[in-house]
């Protein structure tokens, strides 16, 4: 049984990211290379402790990651992709790389054509439709993932997806690595983007659980405070 198992129908969501001192997870050109090898080892260790890892389609389109686990022994996990229009290529590594160890789930909307869905299903990709709007309804998605036995998810999203989870108060834990750089730029990607909360009192609040550092990196762990 994995860690973080909960009795309710929402998986335990851990937001994991490396960011600069000024809160950027990528430069204005989209360069996300902030982590050194030691940080990647810690990230991959954390991946062994969850049931799934989740990213958005833009990460697939830009980086074509495998979303696998290195450095540590493990039993595999689900790769979950949020892709409202099923735009990622069928040749993406999240589909072709070791699907028997890392089965892929693509979450999309109810607006996608049955023919497009069939193309992915023929590649042994599980499709979950959630919501009739332009974007995946992540609130309705949560119990659907829970019913598959997914009790914990590592969210390695971009600023827009991270905001969707923050806005809907779905984040339970945050793991941040602060890299010793300042990159600046209005167009550089921040940890959380979107519209944002108008008042501090409406925002999500967290408790600092631990602080570690090595060389010039600082590693922070936060857990969500219960809403009053």
Foldseek 3Di string as FASTA:
>chain_A
DAPQFDDDLFAAEEEEAEAAPVFFCAFLVRHRPQDDPVVLLVVLVVVQRFQEEEEEVVCCVPPLDLPWHPDDDHQAHEYEYWDAALPHDCPRNVLVPPCVRYPYEYEYAPPYDPVSVVVSVVSVYHYHHAYDDSGHPVVRVRSVVVVVVGRYYYYHYFQDVVQVCFVVVSHFKYKYKYGHDDRDDPSGTGRHDDPDDPDPVPGWDWDWDDWDDDDRMIITMTGTDDDD
